[in-house]
Protein backbone atom coordinates (compact mmCIF):
# COMPACT_ATOMS: atom_id res chain seq x y z
CA MET A 1 0.27 -0.08 -0.04
CA TYR A 2 1.18 3.54 -0.62
CA PRO A 3 2.06 5.32 2.26
CA PHE A 4 0.11 8.11 2.31
CA ILE A 5 0.26 8.97 6.11
CA ARG A 6 3.84 9.19 6.10
CA MET A 7 3.65 11.30 2.76
CA SER A 8 0.87 13.70 4.71
CA LYS A 9 3.48 13.80 7.54
CA GLU A 10 6.41 14.92 4.95
CA ILE A 11 3.94 17.31 3.19
CA LEU A 12 2.91 18.92 6.57
CA LYS A 13 6.77 19.06 8.01
CA TYR A 14 8.06 20.78 4.77
CA ARG A 15 5.17 23.10 3.84
CA LYS A 16 6.97 26.16 5.53
CA ALA A 17 10.57 25.01 4.88
CA PRO A 18 12.73 27.46 3.44
CA ALA A 19 12.67 27.55 -0.35
CA LEU A 20 15.35 25.45 -2.49
CA PRO A 21 17.23 26.49 -5.85
CA VAL A 22 15.97 24.30 -8.73
CA THR A 23 19.09 22.08 -8.16
CA GLY A 24 19.01 22.19 -4.26
CA THR A 25 19.01 19.24 -1.84
CA HIS A 26 16.28 18.06 0.37
CA ILE A 27 17.48 16.19 3.21
CA SER A 28 14.82 14.24 5.15
CA GLN A 29 15.02 11.58 7.85
CA HIS A 30 13.23 8.19 7.88
CA ILE A 31 12.83 5.15 9.55
CA CYS A 32 12.43 1.57 7.76
CA TRP A 33 9.19 0.17 9.42
CA PRO A 34 7.93 -3.51 9.83
CA TRP A 35 5.63 -2.93 6.55
CA ASP A 36 8.56 -1.67 4.39
CA ILE A 37 10.97 -5.16 4.67
CA ASP A 38 10.72 -8.44 2.61
CA LEU A 39 11.25 -12.21 3.41
CA TRP A 40 15.02 -11.37 4.02
CA MET A 41 14.26 -8.81 6.87
CA GLU A 42 15.57 -5.71 5.00
CA LEU A 43 13.96 -2.79 2.92
CA ASN A 44 12.21 -4.16 0.08
CA ASN A 45 13.45 -3.00 -3.18
CA GLY A 46 10.19 -1.86 -4.72
CA ARG A 47 9.27 -0.19 -1.47
CA THR A 48 12.79 1.52 -1.62
CA LEU A 49 11.43 3.38 -4.84
CA THR A 50 7.90 4.04 -3.62
CA LEU A 51 9.88 5.63 -0.25
CA TYR A 52 11.73 8.02 -2.65
CA ASP A 53 8.71 9.83 -3.24
CA LEU A 54 9.03 11.01 0.28
CA GLY A 55 11.80 12.94 -0.73
CA ARG A 56 10.47 13.94 -4.54
CA ILE A 57 7.14 15.57 -3.34
CA PRO A 58 8.81 17.84 -0.63
CA LEU A 59 11.52 18.82 -3.13
CA ALA A 60 8.87 19.89 -5.44
CA MET A 61 7.48 21.83 -2.88
CA ARG A 62 10.51 23.55 -1.75
CA THR A 63 11.76 24.20 -5.40
CA GLY A 64 8.52 25.59 -6.60
CA LEU A 65 7.49 22.96 -8.80
CA TRP A 66 4.62 22.01 -6.68
CA PRO A 67 2.70 25.53 -7.02
CA ALA A 68 3.28 25.53 -10.93
CA LEU A 69 1.94 22.02 -11.19
CA LYS A 70 -1.13 23.02 -9.11
CA ARG A 71 -1.78 26.38 -11.11
CA ASN A 72 -1.31 24.73 -14.23
CA GLY A 73 -3.27 21.47 -13.53
CA TRP A 74 -0.03 19.46 -14.38
CA GLY A 75 1.25 16.21 -12.80
CA ILE A 76 4.46 14.50 -12.45
CA VAL A 77 5.65 11.22 -13.70
CA VAL A 78 8.53 8.87 -13.48
CA ALA A 79 9.31 7.92 -17.08
CA GLY A 80 12.25 5.56 -15.88
CA ASN A 81 15.10 4.94 -13.33
CA THR A 82 18.34 3.03 -12.83
CA THR A 83 18.73 1.99 -9.35
CA ARG A 84 21.68 0.75 -7.19
CA TYR A 85 21.24 -1.23 -4.03
CA ARG A 86 24.53 -1.32 -2.06
CA ARG A 87 23.78 -2.04 1.70
CA ARG A 88 20.94 -3.30 3.89
CA VAL A 89 18.58 -1.36 5.52
CA GLN A 90 16.46 -3.26 8.22
CA ALA A 91 13.48 -2.88 10.23
CA PHE A 92 13.62 -0.02 12.54
CA GLN A 93 16.79 1.30 10.96
CA ARG A 94 16.91 5.22 10.79
CA PHE A 95 17.99 6.72 7.09
CA GLU A 96 18.72 10.04 5.85
CA MET A 97 17.03 10.65 2.26
CA ARG A 98 18.66 13.02 -0.14
CA SER A 99 16.92 14.38 -3.21
CA ARG A 100 17.60 16.66 -6.08
CA CYS A 101 17.22 17.66 -9.53
CA VAL A 102 20.25 17.10 -11.76
CA GLY A 103 19.13 18.95 -14.41
CA TRP A 104 16.96 18.72 -17.45
CA ASP A 105 17.09 18.35 -21.23
CA ASP A 106 14.49 19.01 -23.82
CA ARG A 107 12.51 15.89 -22.96
CA TRP A 108 13.31 15.27 -19.36
CA ILE A 109 13.79 16.31 -15.92
CA TRP A 110 16.65 14.27 -14.22
CA LEU A 111 16.53 13.71 -10.68
CA GLU A 112 18.68 11.48 -8.07
CA HIS A 113 18.03 10.29 -4.72
CA ALA A 114 20.05 8.51 -2.24
CA MET A 115 19.40 6.97 0.99
CA PHE A 116 22.28 7.10 3.67
CA MET A 117 22.99 5.25 7.16
CA ARG A 118 25.75 6.66 9.18
CA GLY A 119 26.98 8.23 6.54
CA GLU A 120 27.21 5.37 4.30
CA CYS A 121 25.15 5.25 1.21
CA THR A 122 22.57 2.52 1.18
CA SER A 123 21.04 3.00 -2.47
CA HIS A 124 20.86 5.65 -5.11
CA VAL A 125 18.50 6.13 -7.86
CA LEU A 126 18.61 8.28 -10.97
CA ILE A 127 14.86 9.21 -12.40
CA ARG A 128 13.82 10.28 -15.80
CA GLY A 129 10.91 12.28 -14.75
CA ALA A 130 8.51 14.36 -16.92
CA VAL A 131 5.73 16.92 -16.30
CA THR A 132 2.10 16.29 -18.08
CA SER A 133 -0.76 17.46 -18.67
CA LYS A 134 -4.01 16.59 -20.37
CA GLN A 135 -2.46 17.35 -23.74
CA GLY A 136 0.79 15.17 -23.11
CA MET A 137 4.47 15.96 -21.62
CA ILE A 138 5.22 19.59 -21.13
CA ALA A 139 8.88 20.57 -22.09
CA PRO A 140 11.09 21.23 -19.12
CA ALA A 141 11.84 24.74 -20.45
CA ARG A 142 8.10 25.38 -20.18
CA VAL A 143 8.17 23.90 -16.56
CA MET A 144 11.01 26.04 -15.56
CA GLU A 145 9.33 29.31 -17.05
CA ALA A 146 6.24 28.31 -14.84
CA MET A 147 8.14 28.02 -11.84
CA GLY A 148 9.97 31.50 -12.61
CA ILE A 149 13.43 30.33 -13.66
CA ASP A 150 15.30 31.72 -16.40
CA GLN A 151 18.32 29.59 -16.35
CA GLU A 152 19.57 26.96 -18.53
CA SER A 153 20.25 23.33 -17.32
CA PRO A 154 23.41 22.63 -15.48
CA ALA A 155 25.49 20.09 -17.54
CA LEU A 156 24.26 16.61 -17.09
CA PRO A 157 26.72 14.53 -15.51
CA GLU A 158 28.22 11.79 -17.70
CA PHE A 159 26.33 9.16 -16.11
CA VAL A 160 23.05 10.43 -16.91
CA THR A 161 23.88 10.98 -20.67
CA ALA A 162 25.28 7.52 -20.71
CA TRP A 163 22.47 5.98 -18.98
CA ALA A 164 20.04 7.99 -21.23
CA GLU A 165 21.89 6.87 -24.47
CA ALA A 166 22.10 3.21 -23.47
CA ASP A 167 18.26 2.95 -22.46
CA ALA A 168 17.35 4.54 -26.08
CA LYS A 169 19.04 1.50 -27.59
CA ARG A 170 16.75 -0.62 -25.94
CA PRO A 171 13.86 -2.20 -27.70
CA TRP A 172 10.37 -1.04 -26.94
CA PRO A 173 8.03 -2.83 -26.39
CA PRO A 174 10.17 -5.57 -25.35
CA ASN A 175 10.61 -8.43 -27.50
CA PHE A 176 9.71 -11.83 -25.79
């Protein structure tokens, strides 16, 4: 089940937090609850992706994306991701989540999230996201304009462009 109560808590907690620049980092603290674990008694890999929403939505609020979404009747979607899992997170362990926008291109907004325990990264996700309307995807330049941002994207890191190029070569739909 989606963590609606936890999301509500994050929205309330950060509703008046200081604004962040579009590429600023939102940092939040969380606990791995028993309903987040799998058969191996650790944070479930799918749940990890869901918990990253707990960083993404407050990030959208603090960077000014959320008000732009509401004003324009837009939504946000995850269009792809690549994830690394490196350390176990077990029930009742506390972790820190860091969320930020890496940059954007003509089609996508690139985000990354990472979880840390005692200063050590446990997982990292790169997300290819988009803003959508009933008419389809909204160009990131238009999104930035709606946010009141008049700047070019920072140069995307090589790992972002390399993944984007590799993913573009992947057949769609899959050939089974």
